[in-house]
C-alpha atoms as a PDB file:
ATOM      1  CA  MET A   1     -36.626   2.120 -33.931  1.00  0.00           C
ATOM      2  CA  THR A   2     -34.878   1.073 -37.115  1.00  0.00           C
ATOM      3  CA  GLY A   3     -35.725   2.161 -40.891  1.00  0.00           C
ATOM      4  CA  PRO A   4     -35.487   0.143 -43.919  1.00  0.00           C
ATOM      5  CA  ALA A   5     -31.748  -1.564 -44.983  1.00  0.00           C
ATOM      6  CA  ASP A   6     -32.130   0.815 -47.966  1.00  0.00           C
ATOM      7  CA  PRO A   7     -34.225   3.529 -47.470  1.00  0.00           C
ATOM      8  CA  LEU A   8     -34.362   4.627 -51.405  1.00  0.00           C
ATOM      9  CA  GLY A   9     -35.335   1.383 -52.494  1.00  0.00           C
ATOM     10  CA  TRP A  10     -38.616   2.160 -53.423  1.00  0.00           C
ATOM     11  CA  ALA A  11     -36.918   4.569 -55.880  1.00  0.00           C
ATOM     12  CA  SER A  12     -34.766   1.600 -57.140  1.00  0.00           C
ATOM     13  CA  LYS A  13     -37.768  -0.216 -57.752  1.00  0.00           C
ATOM     14  CA  PRO A  14     -40.867   1.972 -58.543  1.00  0.00           C
ATOM     15  CA  ARG A  15     -43.853   0.616 -58.432  1.00  0.00           C
ATOM     16  CA  SER A  16     -45.910   2.854 -60.265  1.00  0.00           C
ATOM     17  CA  PRO A  17     -45.882   5.774 -62.793  1.00  0.00           C
ATOM     18  CA  LEU A  18     -46.911   8.018 -59.621  1.00  0.00           C
ATOM     19  CA  ALA A  19     -42.936   6.500 -57.728  1.00  0.00           C
ATOM     20  CA  LEU A  20     -41.232   6.808 -61.130  1.00  0.00           C
ATOM     21  CA  ALA A  21     -42.234  10.701 -61.217  1.00  0.00           C
ATOM     22  CA  ALA A  22     -41.228  11.609 -57.784  1.00  0.00           C
ATOM     23  CA  VAL A  23     -37.614   9.651 -59.005  1.00  0.00           C
ATOM     24  CA  MET A  24     -37.672  11.863 -61.907  1.00  0.00           C
ATOM     25  CA  LYS A  25     -38.520  15.022 -60.760  1.00  0.00           C
ATOM     26  CA  LYS A  26     -35.829  14.691 -57.166  1.00  0.00           C
ATOM     27  CA  ALA A  27     -33.623  13.709 -60.171  1.00  0.00           C
ATOM     28  CA  GLU A  28     -33.270  17.098 -61.325  1.00  0.00           C
ATOM     29  CA  SER A  29     -31.632  18.447 -57.950  1.00  0.00           C
ATOM     30  CA  ASP A  30     -30.350  15.330 -55.897  1.00  0.00           C
ATOM     31  CA  ARG A  31     -27.244  13.090 -57.465  1.00  0.00           C
ATOM     32  CA  GLN A  32     -28.630  10.203 -55.536  1.00  0.00           C
ATOM     33  CA  PHE A  33     -31.848  10.506 -57.467  1.00  0.00           C
ATOM     34  CA  ARG A  34     -30.217  11.885 -60.615  1.00  0.00           C
ATOM     35  CA  ALA A  35     -28.267   7.597 -60.592  1.00  0.00           C
ATOM     36  CA  ILE A  36     -30.732   5.570 -59.692  1.00  0.00           C
ATOM     37  CA  ARG A  37     -32.738   7.577 -62.606  1.00  0.00           C
ATOM     38  CA  ASP A  38     -30.120   7.092 -65.375  1.00  0.00           C
ATOM     39  CA  ARG A  39     -29.969   3.036 -63.692  1.00  0.00           C
ATOM     40  CA  LEU A  40     -33.616   3.036 -64.494  1.00  0.00           C
ATOM     41  CA  ILE A  41     -33.302   4.271 -68.137  1.00  0.00           C
ATOM     42  CA  LYS A  42     -30.186   1.978 -68.809  1.00  0.00           C
ATOM     43  CA  ASP A  43     -31.942  -1.207 -67.119  1.00  0.00           C
ATOM     44  CA  GLY A  44     -34.879  -0.562 -69.939  1.00  0.00           C
ATOM     45  CA  ILE A  45     -37.380  -0.169 -66.579  1.00  0.00           C
ATOM     46  CA  CYS A  46     -38.493   3.584 -67.953  1.00  0.00           C
ATOM     47  CA  THR A  47     -37.576   5.569 -70.847  1.00  0.00           C
ATOM     48  CA  GLU A  48     -36.088   9.036 -70.619  1.00  0.00           C
ATOM     49  CA  ALA A  49     -39.248  10.714 -71.302  1.00  0.00           C
ATOM     50  CA  GLY A  50     -40.209   9.362 -67.554  1.00  0.00           C
ATOM     51  CA  ARG A  51     -42.532   6.963 -69.154  1.00  0.00           C
ATOM     52  CA  LEU A  52     -42.552   3.444 -66.772  1.00  0.00           C
ATOM     53  CA  LEU A  53     -42.113   0.256 -68.596  1.00  0.00           C
ATOM     54  CA  PHE A  54     -41.952  -2.070 -65.664  1.00  0.00           C
ATOM     55  CA  ARG A  55     -43.198  -2.151 -62.193  1.00  0.00           C
ATOM     56  CA  TRP A  56     -41.906  -3.810 -59.349  1.00  0.00           C
ATOM     57  CA  THR A  57     -44.162  -5.973 -57.850  1.00  0.00           C
ATOM     58  CA  GLY A  58     -42.046  -6.903 -54.889  1.00  0.00           C
ATOM     59  CA  ILE A  59     -40.653 -10.223 -56.073  1.00  0.00           C
ATOM     60  CA  ALA A  60     -39.858  -9.259 -59.989  1.00  0.00           C
ATOM     61  CA  TRP A  61     -40.139  -6.819 -62.579  1.00  0.00           C
ATOM     62  CA  GLU A  62     -43.257  -7.216 -64.766  1.00  0.00           C
ATOM     63  CA  PRO A  63     -44.822  -4.737 -67.908  1.00  0.00           C
ATOM     64  CA  ALA A  64     -46.534  -2.036 -66.960  1.00  0.00           C
ATOM     65  CA  THR A  65     -49.887  -1.063 -67.974  1.00  0.00           C
END
């Protein structure tokens, strides 16, 4: 059995505020998640406070509501 090609894909392309909250929490203690969090902030996907501005639909980014 093989897993996904990118096991942290869910973190780099969050689909919900809950997924982003998990990334933000894990970033406190894990450098891989810290890098993902920093990239999401830099790209304008979320705020430093952890508010999701855009969510991944599986095809493209769309504004979060």
